[in-house]
Amino acid sequence: MKKRYIVVLFLLVIIVFFFIRFFSPKQLDDVSPEIPCDKELLDKADILYVIPKFNNKSISENKSWCKEIYSLNKTLALHGVYHTYKEFLRDRDEEYLQEGIDIFKECFNFTPRRFKPPQLEISKKNKRLVKRKMKLDLFFNQIFHKVYHCNDSGRFPNWFIDLF
């Protein structure tokens, strides 16, 4: 009898979790003019996490791209500064973060209010640094939202994210 209740409870939790993810805003990581991104993904997502300087190229140098992304009328957020591997596990200073914020602002004419570190890795010092300026999205954000990647390079492929 106890096993049955545990199984039923487990199934209920899975179903609730599914519906939370289904109705939560969809997110798209790795948005940059340097990374090809399917129009369907851009349209599907509600929140776009933008890399301000990828491959050492600033998004603010590509005004037509900035205008195009802004015109999608999505929530835009900061996704690292250079999006290097575990970029924010290494302690960064205010100037480093500000560089990303300034590039973002130059592109979209507003300051980002949300931040997600690349690979969701961030040191305690960097957490404090980011939280002084923006809302920090980490692991639980990924769990409760469908998070796609422009280059389909996430832990799970985009087709799987669509299913669950």
Protein backbone atom coordinates (compact mmCIF):
# COMPACT_ATOMS: atom_id res chain seq x y z
CA MET A 1 0.00 0.00 0.00
CA LYS A 2 2.84 2.42 0.88
CA LYS A 3 4.58 1.70 -2.44
CA ARG A 4 1.41 2.60 -4.27
CA TYR A 5 1.18 5.99 -2.55
CA ILE A 6 4.83 6.69 -3.31
CA VAL A 7 4.33 5.84 -6.98
CA VAL A 8 1.19 8.01 -7.18
CA LEU A 9 2.96 10.87 -5.42
CA PHE A 10 5.94 10.55 -7.76
CA LEU A 11 3.67 10.63 -10.82
CA LEU A 12 1.84 13.69 -9.48
CA VAL A 13 5.13 15.50 -8.95
CA ILE A 14 6.21 14.68 -12.52
CA ILE A 15 2.89 15.89 -13.92
CA VAL A 16 3.01 19.15 -11.93
CA PHE A 17 6.61 19.68 -12.99
CA PHE A 18 5.64 19.12 -16.63
CA PHE A 19 2.88 21.73 -16.44
CA ILE A 20 5.11 24.26 -14.68
CA ARG A 21 7.65 23.95 -17.50
CA PHE A 22 4.91 24.01 -20.13
CA PHE A 23 3.41 27.30 -18.91
CA SER A 24 6.61 29.08 -17.78
CA PRO A 25 8.27 31.53 -20.18
CA LYS A 26 10.52 29.78 -22.68
CA GLN A 27 14.15 30.89 -22.78
CA LEU A 28 16.82 30.94 -25.47
CA ASP A 29 20.52 31.00 -24.56
CA ASP A 30 23.54 31.98 -26.65
CA VAL A 31 21.91 34.71 -28.72
CA SER A 32 24.61 36.49 -30.72
CA PRO A 33 25.14 37.56 -34.33
CA GLU A 34 28.15 35.19 -34.26
CA ILE A 35 26.01 32.12 -33.52
CA PRO A 36 23.45 31.00 -36.10
CA CYS A 37 20.00 30.92 -34.56
CA ASP A 38 16.92 29.47 -36.13
CA LYS A 39 14.10 32.01 -36.56
CA GLU A 40 11.68 29.44 -35.13
CA LEU A 41 13.68 29.37 -31.87
CA LEU A 42 13.76 33.16 -31.66
CA ASP A 43 10.00 33.27 -32.17
CA LYS A 44 9.31 30.47 -29.69
CA ALA A 45 11.29 31.98 -26.80
CA ASP A 46 10.00 34.64 -24.42
CA ILE A 47 13.40 35.52 -22.91
CA LEU A 48 16.57 35.85 -24.99
CA TYR A 49 19.91 35.56 -23.18
CA VAL A 50 22.33 37.65 -25.25
CA ILE A 51 26.12 37.29 -25.31
CA PRO A 52 27.49 40.85 -25.55
CA LYS A 53 30.94 40.01 -26.95
CA PHE A 54 31.34 36.61 -28.58
CA ASN A 55 34.48 35.68 -30.55
CA ASN A 56 35.75 39.10 -29.47
CA LYS A 57 33.06 40.80 -31.59
CA SER A 58 30.72 43.21 -29.85
CA ILE A 59 27.02 42.97 -30.61
CA SER A 60 26.85 46.78 -30.55
CA GLU A 61 28.92 46.87 -33.77
CA ASN A 62 26.06 45.17 -35.62
CA LYS A 63 23.29 47.78 -35.40
CA SER A 64 20.96 45.97 -37.82
CA TRP A 65 21.17 42.80 -35.68
CA CYS A 66 20.50 44.83 -32.52
CA LYS A 67 17.47 46.41 -34.16
CA GLU A 68 16.19 43.05 -35.40
CA ILE A 69 16.52 41.35 -31.99
CA TYR A 70 14.98 44.33 -30.18
CA SER A 71 12.05 44.37 -32.64
CA LEU A 72 11.12 40.81 -31.60
CA ASN A 73 9.67 42.39 -28.45
CA LYS A 74 11.12 39.77 -26.12
CA THR A 75 12.66 40.10 -22.68
CA LEU A 76 16.39 40.51 -23.26
CA ALA A 77 18.96 39.45 -20.69
CA LEU A 78 22.73 39.23 -20.35
CA HIS A 79 24.46 35.85 -20.82
CA GLY A 80 28.03 36.30 -19.64
CA VAL A 81 30.31 38.88 -21.20
CA TYR A 82 32.47 36.83 -23.59
CA HIS A 83 30.74 33.48 -22.96
CA THR A 84 34.02 31.66 -22.43
CA TYR A 85 34.09 28.28 -20.70
CA LYS A 86 33.08 28.71 -17.05
CA GLU A 87 33.73 32.44 -17.48
CA PHE A 88 32.27 33.43 -14.12
CA LEU A 89 33.89 30.73 -12.00
CA ARG A 90 36.99 32.89 -12.20
CA ASP A 91 36.49 35.96 -9.99
CA ARG A 92 35.70 39.05 -12.04
CA ASP A 93 35.68 42.70 -11.07
CA GLU A 94 33.06 45.38 -11.54
CA GLU A 95 34.76 46.66 -14.73
CA TYR A 96 34.56 43.26 -16.38
CA LEU A 97 30.83 42.94 -15.76
CA GLN A 98 30.27 46.58 -16.66
CA GLU A 99 31.86 46.00 -20.07
CA GLY A 100 29.12 43.48 -20.88
CA ILE A 101 26.41 45.75 -19.50
CA ASP A 102 27.70 48.72 -21.54
CA ILE A 103 27.83 46.72 -24.78
CA PHE A 104 24.30 45.43 -24.15
CA LYS A 105 23.07 48.96 -23.41
CA GLU A 106 24.76 50.37 -26.51
CA CYS A 107 23.00 47.71 -28.61
CA PHE A 108 19.51 47.83 -27.10
CA ASN A 109 19.37 51.25 -25.38
CA PHE A 110 18.56 49.85 -21.95
CA THR A 111 20.40 48.16 -19.10
CA PRO A 112 19.85 44.42 -18.66
CA ARG A 113 17.89 43.37 -15.57
CA ARG A 114 18.69 39.65 -15.69
CA PHE A 115 21.91 37.69 -15.94
CA LYS A 116 22.75 34.04 -16.58
CA PRO A 117 26.38 32.89 -16.43
CA PRO A 118 27.68 30.57 -19.16
CA GLN A 119 27.39 26.90 -18.16
CA LEU A 120 25.49 28.17 -15.05
CA GLU A 121 28.83 28.28 -13.21
CA ILE A 122 29.55 31.27 -10.97
CA SER A 123 31.78 31.93 -7.96
CA LYS A 124 30.39 33.31 -4.69
CA LYS A 125 32.18 36.61 -5.27
CA ASN A 126 30.69 36.92 -8.75
CA LYS A 127 27.22 36.07 -7.42
CA ARG A 128 27.43 39.07 -5.11
CA LEU A 129 28.78 41.24 -7.93
CA VAL A 130 25.98 40.33 -10.34
CA LYS A 131 23.19 40.48 -7.73
CA ARG A 132 24.05 44.12 -6.98
CA LYS A 133 23.03 44.99 -10.54
CA MET A 134 20.70 42.28 -11.87
CA LYS A 135 18.56 39.25 -11.08
CA LEU A 136 20.68 36.12 -11.29
CA ASP A 137 19.25 33.07 -13.06
CA LEU A 138 20.89 29.76 -12.19
CA PHE A 139 20.11 26.04 -11.88
CA PHE A 140 16.50 26.25 -10.66
CA ASN A 141 15.73 28.63 -13.51
CA GLN A 142 16.82 25.89 -15.93
CA ILE A 143 14.70 23.29 -14.14
CA PHE A 144 11.45 25.28 -14.19
CA HIS A 145 11.73 26.72 -17.71
CA LYS A 146 12.25 25.25 -21.13
CA VAL A 147 15.70 26.54 -22.10
CA TYR A 148 16.81 26.21 -25.72
CA HIS A 149 20.22 27.03 -27.22
CA CYS A 150 20.79 28.76 -30.55
CA ASN A 151 23.49 26.31 -31.59
CA ASP A 152 21.65 23.37 -29.98
CA SER A 153 24.59 22.81 -27.63
CA GLY A 154 22.86 22.50 -24.28
CA ARG A 155 22.97 19.49 -21.97
CA PHE A 156 19.86 18.24 -23.79
CA PRO A 157 19.09 18.84 -27.48
CA ASN A 158 16.38 21.35 -28.34
CA TRP A 159 14.03 18.62 -29.63
CA PHE A 160 14.15 16.97 -26.18
CA ILE A 161 13.48 20.29 -24.42
CA ASP A 162 10.35 20.59 -26.56
CA LEU A 163 9.07 17.23 -25.30
CA PHE A 164 9.62 17.91 -21.62
